[in-house]
């Protein structure tokens, strides 16, 4: 069964960009809830023996509980890892990811604008993503609720290497209705080393 992943940093480590109380609730309550509900949804079924990525790849065949909670478990597990108290703000310009961002978006600033627009324009709850598509290029997309680009229901499919949670529970205590401020602050804590690692694996 799936377990709530432990963070590699303290709840307060991302201050002032993401506040301690939000992290406590987000990880300890919301992600914990998705984890337990996903386990309940697959318990006693053949899905219990399948890889999470394989379940999500055919999520249209499964129940709403599997889709919502499996997505919630995966999305948050990625989210915590692509943030760091030592976020650099920029990927290594000499690295493969830096070159790919320049090639596919024109510049880092252009990518940042597209990603911020995807996060800011997602109506209601959802996520913004940087993904590696099947042809090996980078793309920015967004998904509703707890969907993600691994799912066969996604408009743009690929391997997510960076994700931003834009559900209100991710930012409302600190930012209220100022989602653009939260999106901007996110770039101060992005763990580009982790994103680069995911890019190279993809």
Protein backbone atom coordinates (compact mmCIF):
# COMPACT_ATOMS: atom_id res chain seq x y z
CA UNK A 1 0.00 0.00 0.00
CA UNK A 2 1.07 3.57 -0.57
CA UNK A 3 2.53 5.67 2.24
CA UNK A 4 2.59 9.42 2.70
CA UNK A 5 6.11 10.44 1.62
CA UNK A 6 8.25 12.25 4.14
CA UNK A 7 9.54 15.68 3.21
CA UNK A 8 13.25 16.31 2.86
CA UNK A 9 12.82 19.69 4.59
CA UNK A 10 10.87 21.10 7.53
CA UNK A 11 7.38 22.55 7.09
CA UNK A 12 8.73 26.04 7.69
CA UNK A 13 11.71 25.73 5.37
CA UNK A 14 9.98 27.35 2.38
CA UNK A 15 9.07 30.54 4.27
CA UNK A 16 8.26 33.26 3.34
CA UNK A 17 7.24 31.95 -0.07
CA UNK A 18 5.07 29.12 1.27
CA UNK A 19 4.07 29.45 4.91
CA UNK A 20 4.46 26.84 7.62
CA UNK A 21 0.76 26.41 8.42
CA UNK A 22 -0.13 25.85 4.78
CA UNK A 23 2.57 23.20 4.51
CA UNK A 24 1.37 21.46 7.68
CA UNK A 25 -2.21 21.27 6.40
CA UNK A 26 -1.31 20.57 2.78
CA UNK A 27 1.05 17.69 3.48
CA UNK A 28 -0.28 16.38 6.76
CA UNK A 29 -3.99 16.59 5.93
CA UNK A 30 -4.64 16.90 2.19
CA UNK A 31 -1.88 14.62 0.87
CA UNK A 32 -2.45 12.20 3.73
CA UNK A 33 -6.12 12.10 2.78
CA UNK A 34 -5.40 11.34 -0.88
CA UNK A 35 -3.02 8.59 0.21
CA UNK A 36 -5.48 6.80 2.48
CA UNK A 37 -8.38 7.17 0.04
CA UNK A 38 -6.29 5.87 -2.86
CA UNK A 39 -5.29 2.84 -0.81
CA UNK A 40 -8.94 2.23 0.03
CA UNK A 41 -9.93 2.55 -3.64
CA UNK A 42 -7.46 -0.08 -4.85
CA UNK A 43 -7.49 -2.42 -1.86
CA UNK A 44 -8.59 -5.89 -2.87
CA UNK A 45 -8.47 -5.14 -6.60
CA UNK A 46 -5.93 -6.05 -9.28
CA UNK A 47 -4.77 -2.42 -9.21
CA UNK A 48 -3.07 -3.04 -5.89
CA UNK A 49 -0.31 -4.93 -7.74
CA UNK A 50 0.16 -2.41 -10.55
CA UNK A 51 2.62 0.48 -10.77
CA UNK A 52 1.05 3.86 -10.09
CA UNK A 53 2.13 5.21 -13.48
CA UNK A 54 0.43 2.27 -15.21
CA UNK A 55 -2.78 2.89 -13.29
CA UNK A 56 -2.79 6.57 -14.25
CA UNK A 57 -2.02 5.77 -17.90
CA UNK A 58 -5.36 3.94 -18.14
CA UNK A 59 -7.26 5.99 -15.60
CA UNK A 60 -10.30 6.38 -17.88
CA UNK A 61 -11.03 2.70 -17.21
CA UNK A 62 -11.05 3.15 -13.44
CA UNK A 63 -13.32 4.69 -10.84
CA UNK A 64 -13.52 8.37 -9.97
CA UNK A 65 -11.99 7.53 -6.59
CA UNK A 66 -8.94 6.00 -8.26
CA UNK A 67 -8.60 8.94 -10.65
CA UNK A 68 -8.95 11.67 -8.02
CA UNK A 69 -6.97 10.07 -5.22
CA UNK A 70 -4.34 8.35 -7.35
CA UNK A 71 -3.77 11.66 -9.10
CA UNK A 72 -3.70 13.49 -5.79
CA UNK A 73 -1.13 11.07 -4.40
CA UNK A 74 1.15 11.28 -7.45
CA UNK A 75 0.82 15.04 -7.98
CA UNK A 76 1.67 15.98 -4.42
CA UNK A 77 4.54 13.49 -4.24
CA UNK A 78 6.12 15.26 -7.20
CA UNK A 79 5.24 18.73 -5.89
CA UNK A 80 7.18 18.36 -2.64
CA UNK A 81 10.27 17.09 -4.45
CA UNK A 82 10.46 19.88 -7.03
CA UNK A 83 10.67 22.46 -4.25
CA UNK A 84 13.60 23.20 -1.99
CA UNK A 85 14.62 25.80 0.60
CA UNK A 86 17.68 26.29 -1.60
CA UNK A 87 15.75 26.99 -4.80
CA UNK A 88 18.03 28.69 -7.30
CA UNK A 89 15.39 30.48 -9.34
CA UNK A 90 17.05 29.34 -12.56
CA UNK A 91 18.04 25.99 -14.05
CA UNK A 92 21.68 25.45 -14.94
CA UNK A 93 22.09 27.31 -18.22
CA UNK A 94 24.78 24.87 -19.28
CA UNK A 95 22.72 21.79 -18.47
CA UNK A 96 20.55 19.73 -20.80
CA UNK A 97 17.35 21.12 -19.30
CA UNK A 98 18.51 24.72 -19.72
CA UNK A 99 19.29 24.07 -23.37
CA UNK A 100 15.93 22.35 -23.90
CA UNK A 101 14.02 25.25 -22.33
CA UNK A 102 15.80 27.70 -24.65
CA UNK A 103 15.18 25.46 -27.65
CA UNK A 104 11.49 24.83 -26.99
CA UNK A 105 10.43 28.18 -25.49
CA UNK A 106 12.99 30.66 -26.80
CA UNK A 107 14.19 31.66 -23.35
CA UNK A 108 13.70 30.90 -19.68
CA UNK A 109 11.64 34.09 -19.30
CA UNK A 110 9.33 32.94 -22.11
CA UNK A 111 8.90 29.56 -20.42
CA UNK A 112 8.21 31.25 -17.09
CA UNK A 113 5.57 33.47 -18.70
CA UNK A 114 3.85 30.46 -20.31
CA UNK A 115 3.95 28.41 -17.12
CA UNK A 116 2.66 31.33 -15.04
CA UNK A 117 -0.15 31.90 -17.54
CA UNK A 118 -1.13 28.20 -17.40
CA UNK A 119 -1.21 28.33 -13.61
CA UNK A 120 -3.03 31.65 -13.45
CA UNK A 121 -5.67 30.84 -16.06
CA UNK A 122 -6.64 27.39 -14.75
CA UNK A 123 -10.25 27.93 -13.71
CA UNK A 124 -11.03 26.59 -10.26
CA UNK A 125 -8.77 23.88 -8.90
CA UNK A 126 -5.95 22.17 -10.75
CA UNK A 127 -2.28 22.09 -11.66
CA UNK A 128 0.22 23.66 -14.04
CA UNK A 129 2.88 21.40 -15.55
CA UNK A 130 6.13 21.30 -17.46
CA UNK A 131 6.21 18.00 -19.31
CA UNK A 132 8.44 16.02 -21.63
CA UNK A 133 6.26 14.91 -24.53
CA UNK A 134 6.58 11.65 -26.46
CA UNK A 135 8.77 13.35 -29.07
CA UNK A 136 11.21 14.49 -26.39
CA UNK A 137 10.26 18.16 -26.43
CA UNK A 138 9.11 20.29 -23.51
CA UNK A 139 5.57 21.62 -23.23
CA UNK A 140 3.56 23.61 -20.71
CA UNK A 141 0.04 22.50 -19.88
CA UNK A 142 -2.51 22.50 -17.09
CA UNK A 143 -5.03 20.00 -15.80
CA UNK A 144 -8.19 20.26 -13.70
CA UNK A 145 -8.62 18.87 -10.21
CA UNK A 146 -6.07 16.09 -9.55
CA UNK A 147 -5.58 15.06 -13.17
CA UNK A 148 -2.05 15.02 -14.59
CA UNK A 149 -0.31 14.56 -17.96
CA UNK A 150 0.34 10.84 -17.33
CA UNK A 151 -3.40 10.21 -17.62
CA UNK A 152 -5.06 9.10 -20.83
CA UNK A 153 -7.70 11.78 -20.25
CA UNK A 154 -5.19 14.67 -20.37
CA UNK A 155 -5.31 17.15 -23.25
CA UNK A 156 -1.49 17.18 -23.38
CA UNK A 157 0.17 13.93 -22.38
CA UNK A 158 3.75 13.42 -21.32
CA UNK A 159 6.05 12.91 -18.36
CA UNK A 160 5.64 15.72 -15.81
CA UNK A 161 8.93 17.09 -14.48
CA UNK A 162 7.61 20.23 -12.74
CA UNK A 163 4.17 20.76 -11.25
CA UNK A 164 2.47 23.58 -9.38
CA UNK A 165 -0.63 23.02 -7.26
CA UNK A 166 -3.14 25.85 -7.80
CA UNK A 167 -5.89 24.49 -5.58
CA UNK A 168 -6.81 27.18 -3.05
CA UNK A 169 -5.68 24.97 -0.18
CA UNK A 170 -2.12 25.34 -1.55
CA UNK A 171 -1.96 29.10 -1.05
CA UNK A 172 -5.08 30.73 0.40
CA UNK A 173 -3.91 31.17 4.00
CA UNK A 174 -0.99 33.33 2.87
CA UNK A 175 -2.08 34.76 -0.47
CA UNK A 176 -5.90 34.74 -0.32
CA UNK A 177 -7.14 35.45 -3.88
CA UNK A 178 -3.71 36.60 -5.12
CA UNK A 179 -2.86 33.48 -7.08
CA UNK A 180 -0.38 35.33 -9.37
CA UNK A 181 1.67 36.30 -6.29
CA UNK A 182 1.77 32.66 -5.20
CA UNK A 183 2.80 31.54 -8.69
CA UNK A 184 5.59 34.11 -8.71
CA UNK A 185 6.78 33.01 -5.27
CA UNK A 186 6.91 29.38 -6.41
CA UNK A 187 9.82 30.17 -8.71
CA UNK A 188 11.87 31.18 -5.66
CA UNK A 189 11.71 27.64 -4.27
CA UNK A 190 11.91 25.47 -7.41
CA UNK A 191 14.48 22.71 -7.00
CA UNK A 192 15.94 22.84 -10.51
CA UNK A 193 18.40 20.06 -9.74
CA UNK A 194 15.46 17.72 -9.15
CA UNK A 195 13.65 18.98 -12.27
CA UNK A 196 16.82 18.40 -14.32
CA UNK A 197 17.11 14.88 -12.92
CA UNK A 198 13.52 14.14 -13.92
CA UNK A 199 14.14 15.63 -17.37
CA UNK A 200 17.17 13.38 -17.92
CA UNK A 201 15.20 10.32 -16.78
CA UNK A 202 12.32 11.18 -19.10
